[in-house]
PDB file of N, CA and C in Angstrom:
ATOM      1  N   MET A   1       0.845  -1.186   0.000  1.00  0.00           N
ATOM      2  CA  MET A   1       0.000   0.000   0.000  1.00  0.00           C
ATOM      3  C   MET A   1       0.881   1.237   0.000  1.00  0.00           C
ATOM      4  N   ASN A   2       0.499   2.209  -0.766  1.00  0.00           N
ATOM      5  CA  ASN A   2       1.197   3.485  -0.843  1.00  0.00           C
ATOM      6  C   ASN A   2       0.810   4.311   0.384  1.00  0.00           C
ATOM      7  N   MET A   3       1.741   4.466   1.342  1.00  0.00           N
ATOM      8  CA  MET A   3       1.428   5.170   2.580  1.00  0.00           C
ATOM      9  C   MET A   3       1.359   6.685   2.399  1.00  0.00           C
ATOM     10  N   GLU A   4       1.783   7.200   1.254  1.00  0.00           N
ATOM     11  CA  GLU A   4       1.633   8.623   0.985  1.00  0.00           C
ATOM     12  C   GLU A   4       0.186   8.959   0.647  1.00  0.00           C
ATOM     13  N   ASN A   5      -0.550   7.951   0.158  1.00  0.00           N
ATOM     14  CA  ASN A   5      -1.946   8.146  -0.222  1.00  0.00           C
ATOM     15  C   ASN A   5      -2.721   6.864   0.110  1.00  0.00           C
ATOM     16  N   PRO A   6      -2.891   6.563   1.421  1.00  0.00           N
ATOM     17  CA  PRO A   6      -3.550   5.295   1.775  1.00  0.00           C
ATOM     18  C   PRO A   6      -5.018   5.286   1.368  1.00  0.00           C
ATOM     19  N   LYS A   7      -5.525   4.091   1.103  1.00  0.00           N
ATOM     20  CA  LYS A   7      -6.931   3.912   0.735  1.00  0.00           C
ATOM     21  C   LYS A   7      -7.585   2.946   1.705  1.00  0.00           C
ATOM     22  N   ILE A   8      -8.853   3.167   1.964  1.00  0.00           N
ATOM     23  CA  ILE A   8      -9.648   2.302   2.823  1.00  0.00           C
ATOM     24  C   ILE A   8     -10.437   1.362   1.931  1.00  0.00           C
ATOM     25  N   CYS A   9     -10.315   0.078   2.202  1.00  0.00           N
ATOM     26  CA  CYS A   9     -10.999  -0.944   1.409  1.00  0.00           C
ATOM     27  C   CYS A   9     -12.294  -1.345   2.117  1.00  0.00           C
ATOM     28  N   PHE A  10     -13.415  -1.162   1.447  1.00  0.00           N
ATOM     29  CA  PHE A  10     -14.702  -1.586   1.980  1.00  0.00           C
ATOM     30  C   PHE A  10     -15.021  -2.957   1.390  1.00  0.00           C
ATOM     31  N   VAL A  11     -15.421  -3.895   2.262  1.00  0.00           N
ATOM     32  CA  VAL A  11     -15.721  -5.263   1.835  1.00  0.00           C
ATOM     33  C   VAL A  11     -17.120  -5.655   2.296  1.00  0.00           C
ATOM     34  N   ASN A  12     -17.656  -6.691   1.645  1.00  0.00           N
ATOM     35  CA  ASN A  12     -18.943  -7.218   2.098  1.00  0.00           C
ATOM     36  C   ASN A  12     -18.715  -8.282   3.164  1.00  0.00           C
ATOM     37  N   SER A  13     -19.767  -8.930   3.616  1.00  0.00           N
ATOM     38  CA  SER A  13     -19.659  -9.919   4.698  1.00  0.00           C
ATOM     39  C   SER A  13     -18.865 -11.163   4.295  1.00  0.00           C
ATOM     40  N   LEU A  14     -18.638 -11.352   2.994  1.00  0.00           N
ATOM     41  CA  LEU A  14     -17.846 -12.488   2.518  1.00  0.00           C
ATOM     42  C   LEU A  14     -16.384 -12.100   2.277  1.00  0.00           C
ATOM     43  N   GLY A  15     -16.055 -10.849   2.543  1.00  0.00           N
ATOM     44  CA  GLY A  15     -14.687 -10.381   2.353  1.00  0.00           C
ATOM     45  C   GLY A  15     -14.379  -9.917   0.942  1.00  0.00           C
ATOM     46  N   LYS A  16     -15.386  -9.842   0.084  1.00  0.00           N
ATOM     47  CA  LYS A  16     -15.195  -9.386  -1.290  1.00  0.00           C
ATOM     48  C   LYS A  16     -15.101  -7.860  -1.317  1.00  0.00           C
ATOM     49  N   THR A  17     -14.079  -7.352  -1.999  1.00  0.00           N
ATOM     50  CA  THR A  17     -13.893  -5.904  -2.096  1.00  0.00           C
ATOM     51  C   THR A  17     -15.045  -5.271  -2.861  1.00  0.00           C
ATOM     52  N   LEU A  18     -15.622  -4.233  -2.268  1.00  0.00           N
ATOM     53  CA  LEU A  18     -16.709  -3.495  -2.904  1.00  0.00           C
ATOM     54  C   LEU A  18     -16.195  -2.218  -3.558  1.00  0.00           C
ATOM     55  N   PHE A  19     -15.404  -1.438  -2.803  1.00  0.00           N
ATOM     56  CA  PHE A  19     -14.840  -0.189  -3.326  1.00  0.00           C
ATOM     57  C   PHE A  19     -13.764   0.311  -2.379  1.00  0.00           C
ATOM     58  N   TYR A  20     -13.012   1.290  -2.838  1.00  0.00           N
ATOM     59  CA  TYR A  20     -11.965   1.936  -2.045  1.00  0.00           C
ATOM     60  C   TYR A  20     -12.298   3.416  -1.897  1.00  0.00           C
ATOM     61  N   VAL A  21     -11.886   3.992  -0.770  1.00  0.00           N
ATOM     62  CA  VAL A  21     -12.008   5.430  -0.542  1.00  0.00           C
ATOM     63  C   VAL A  21     -10.645   5.929  -0.079  1.00  0.00           C
ATOM     64  N   GLU A  22     -10.180   7.009  -0.669  1.00  0.00           N
ATOM     65  CA  GLU A  22      -8.907   7.583  -0.254  1.00  0.00           C
ATOM     66  C   GLU A  22      -9.038   8.196   1.132  1.00  0.00           C
ATOM     67  N   ASP A  23      -7.930   8.243   1.862  1.00  0.00           N
ATOM     68  CA  ASP A  23      -7.891   8.853   3.181  1.00  0.00           C
ATOM     69  C   ASP A  23      -8.425  10.279   3.101  1.00  0.00           C
ATOM     70  N   GLY A  24      -9.408  10.591   3.923  1.00  0.00           N
ATOM     71  CA  GLY A  24     -10.023  11.916   3.913  1.00  0.00           C
ATOM     72  C   GLY A  24     -11.156  12.054   2.915  1.00  0.00           C
ATOM     73  N   GLY A  25     -11.410  10.977   2.151  1.00  0.00           N
ATOM     74  CA  GLY A  25     -12.492  11.005   1.169  1.00  0.00           C
ATOM     75  C   GLY A  25     -13.832  10.711   1.816  1.00  0.00           C
ATOM     76  N   GLU A  26     -14.860  10.706   1.012  1.00  0.00           N
ATOM     77  CA  GLU A  26     -16.206  10.473   1.521  1.00  0.00           C
ATOM     78  C   GLU A  26     -16.814   9.216   0.925  1.00  0.00           C
ATOM     79  N   ALA A  27     -17.600   8.521   1.751  1.00  0.00           N
ATOM     80  CA  ALA A  27     -18.371   7.368   1.303  1.00  0.00           C
ATOM     81  C   ALA A  27     -19.841   7.709   1.487  1.00  0.00           C
ATOM     82  N   GLU A  28     -20.635   7.397   0.487  1.00  0.00           N
ATOM     83  CA  GLU A  28     -22.074   7.623   0.558  1.00  0.00           C
ATOM     84  C   GLU A  28     -22.737   6.272   0.749  1.00  0.00           C
ATOM     85  N   ILE A  29     -23.475   6.131   1.838  1.00  0.00           N
ATOM     86  CA  ILE A  29     -24.073   4.856   2.201  1.00  0.00           C
ATOM     87  C   ILE A  29     -25.575   5.067   2.329  1.00  0.00           C
ATOM     88  N   GLY A  30     -26.345   4.194   1.684  1.00  0.00           N
ATOM     89  CA  GLY A  30     -27.790   4.365   1.695  1.00  0.00           C
ATOM     90  C   GLY A  30     -28.525   3.099   2.032  1.00  0.00           C
ATOM     91  N   GLY A  31     -29.749   3.281   2.468  1.00  0.00           N
ATOM     92  CA  GLY A  31     -30.623   2.161   2.761  1.00  0.00           C
ATOM     93  C   GLY A  31     -31.901   2.666   3.400  1.00  0.00           C
ATOM     94  N   GLY A  32     -32.984   1.982   3.193  1.00  0.00           N
ATOM     95  CA  GLY A  32     -34.252   2.368   3.789  1.00  0.00           C
ATOM     96  C   GLY A  32     -34.746   3.725   3.332  1.00  0.00           C
ATOM     97  N   GLY A  33     -34.363   4.112   2.119  1.00  0.00           N
ATOM     98  CA  GLY A  33     -34.821   5.384   1.580  1.00  0.00           C
ATOM     99  C   GLY A  33     -34.001   6.583   2.027  1.00  0.00           C
ATOM    100  N   GLU A  34     -32.937   6.348   2.808  1.00  0.00           N
ATOM    101  CA  GLU A  34     -32.086   7.444   3.272  1.00  0.00           C
ATOM    102  C   GLU A  34     -30.660   7.251   2.760  1.00  0.00           C
ATOM    103  N   THR A  35     -29.954   8.351   2.584  1.00  0.00           N
ATOM    104  CA  THR A  35     -28.560   8.309   2.162  1.00  0.00           C
ATOM    105  C   THR A  35     -27.743   9.159   3.126  1.00  0.00           C
ATOM    106  N   PHE A  36     -26.604   8.618   3.541  1.00  0.00           N
ATOM    107  CA  PHE A  36     -25.717   9.319   4.458  1.00  0.00           C
ATOM    108  C   PHE A  36     -24.332   9.412   3.828  1.00  0.00           C
ATOM    109  N   ARG A  37     -23.665  10.518   4.083  1.00  0.00           N
ATOM    110  CA  ARG A  37     -22.308  10.722   3.579  1.00  0.00           C
ATOM    111  C   ARG A  37     -21.373  10.864   4.779  1.00  0.00           C
ATOM    112  N   PHE A  38     -20.287  10.060   4.775  1.00  0.00           N
ATOM    113  CA  PHE A  38     -19.337  10.051   5.877  1.00  0.00           C
ATOM    114  C   PHE A  38     -17.923  10.312   5.367  1.00  0.00           C
ATOM    115  N   THR A  39     -17.180  11.137   6.097  1.00  0.00           N
ATOM    116  CA  THR A  39     -15.758  11.301   5.815  1.00  0.00           C
ATOM    117  C   THR A  39     -15.033  10.104   6.413  1.00  0.00           C
ATOM    118  N   CYS A  40     -14.070   9.569   5.669  1.00  0.00           N
ATOM    119  CA  CYS A  40     -13.360   8.351   6.059  1.00  0.00           C
ATOM    120  C   CYS A  40     -11.870   8.640   6.251  1.00  0.00           C
ATOM    121  N   TRP A  41     -11.339   8.231   7.383  1.00  0.00           N
ATOM    122  CA  TRP A  41      -9.933   8.448   7.696  1.00  0.00           C
ATOM    123  C   TRP A  41      -9.232   7.124   7.920  1.00  0.00           C
ATOM    124  N   TYR A  42      -8.133   6.912   7.233  1.00  0.00           N
ATOM    125  CA  TYR A  42      -7.308   5.715   7.382  1.00  0.00           C
ATOM    126  C   TYR A  42      -6.558   5.794   8.706  1.00  0.00           C
ATOM    127  N   ILE A  43      -6.627   4.736   9.511  1.00  0.00           N
ATOM    128  CA  ILE A  43      -5.854   4.668  10.754  1.00  0.00           C
ATOM    129  C   ILE A  43      -4.676   3.721  10.557  1.00  0.00           C
ATOM    130  N   ASP A  44      -4.973   2.485  10.165  1.00  0.00           N
ATOM    131  CA  ASP A  44      -3.951   1.511   9.800  1.00  0.00           C
ATOM    132  C   ASP A  44      -4.617   0.489   8.880  1.00  0.00           C
ATOM    133  N   GLU A  45      -3.891  -0.537   8.464  1.00  0.00           N
ATOM    134  CA  GLU A  45      -4.460  -1.452   7.467  1.00  0.00           C
ATOM    135  C   GLU A  45      -5.673  -2.222   7.960  1.00  0.00           C
ATOM    136  N   CYS A  46      -5.947  -2.199   9.262  1.00  0.00           N
ATOM    137  CA  CYS A  46      -7.104  -2.914   9.803  1.00  0.00           C
ATOM    138  C   CYS A  46      -8.174  -2.009  10.401  1.00  0.00           C
ATOM    139  N   HIS A  47      -7.937  -0.691  10.455  1.00  0.00           N
ATOM    140  CA  HIS A  47      -8.881   0.211  11.107  1.00  0.00           C
ATOM    141  C   HIS A  47      -9.083   1.491  10.313  1.00  0.00           C
ATOM    142  N   ALA A  48     -10.297   2.008  10.390  1.00  0.00           N
ATOM    143  CA  ALA A  48     -10.621   3.291   9.752  1.00  0.00           C
ATOM    144  C   ALA A  48     -11.632   4.025  10.623  1.00  0.00           C
ATOM    145  N   LYS A  49     -11.561   5.338  10.583  1.00  0.00           N
ATOM    146  CA  LYS A  49     -12.564   6.163  11.240  1.00  0.00           C
ATOM    147  C   LYS A  49     -13.527   6.596  10.151  1.00  0.00           C
ATOM    148  N   ILE A  50     -14.788   6.221  10.327  1.00  0.00           N
ATOM    149  CA  ILE A  50     -15.828   6.527   9.346  1.00  0.00           C
ATOM    150  C   ILE A  50     -16.877   7.345  10.076  1.00  0.00           C
ATOM    151  N   GLY A  51     -16.972   8.608   9.688  1.00  0.00           N
ATOM    152  CA  GLY A  51     -17.809   9.526  10.461  1.00  0.00           C
ATOM    153  C   GLY A  51     -17.161   9.748  11.811  1.00  0.00           C
ATOM    154  N   ARG A  52     -17.885   9.466  12.886  1.00  0.00           N
ATOM    155  CA  ARG A  52     -17.343   9.650  14.244  1.00  0.00           C
ATOM    156  C   ARG A  52     -16.925   8.338  14.890  1.00  0.00           C
ATOM    157  N   HIS A  53     -16.990   7.219  14.172  1.00  0.00           N
ATOM    158  CA  HIS A  53     -16.728   5.910  14.763  1.00  0.00           C
ATOM    159  C   HIS A  53     -15.509   5.245  14.135  1.00  0.00           C
ATOM    160  N   ILE A  54     -14.795   4.463  14.940  1.00  0.00           N
ATOM    161  CA  ILE A  54     -13.648   3.700  14.451  1.00  0.00           C
ATOM    162  C   ILE A  54     -14.093   2.258  14.239  1.00  0.00           C
ATOM    163  N   TYR A  55     -13.752   1.697  13.079  1.00  0.00           N
ATOM    164  CA  TYR A  55     -14.152   0.344  12.724  1.00  0.00           C
ATOM    165  C   TYR A  55     -12.943  -0.521  12.426  1.00  0.00           C
ATOM    166  N   HIS A  56     -13.068  -1.810  12.760  1.00  0.00           N
ATOM    167  CA  HIS A  56     -12.104  -2.827  12.339  1.00  0.00           C
ATOM    168  C   HIS A  56     -12.567  -3.270  10.962  1.00  0.00           C
ATOM    169  N   ILE A  57     -11.693  -3.133   9.946  1.00  0.00           N
ATOM    170  CA  ILE A  57     -12.161  -3.353   8.576  1.00  0.00           C
ATOM    171  C   ILE A  57     -11.480  -4.500   7.865  1.00  0.00           C
ATOM    172  N   ALA A  58     -10.687  -5.288   8.578  1.00  0.00           N
ATOM    173  CA  ALA A  58     -10.014  -6.401   7.892  1.00  0.00           C
ATOM    174  C   ALA A  58     -10.434  -7.719   8.468  1.00  0.00           C
TER     175      ALA A  58
END
């Protein structure tokens, strides 16, 4: 991974890559007729801050 421009990998429940978001980029997530946009921050290869929450992503 290029640490000068890290990317966050979003996966489904089977571990299949869905999309990538660059550090500081935004992800738009929708469901139930609503759409939310969150800023995403790379922490390390297993963690990201999405909105106000930190997630384990690997």
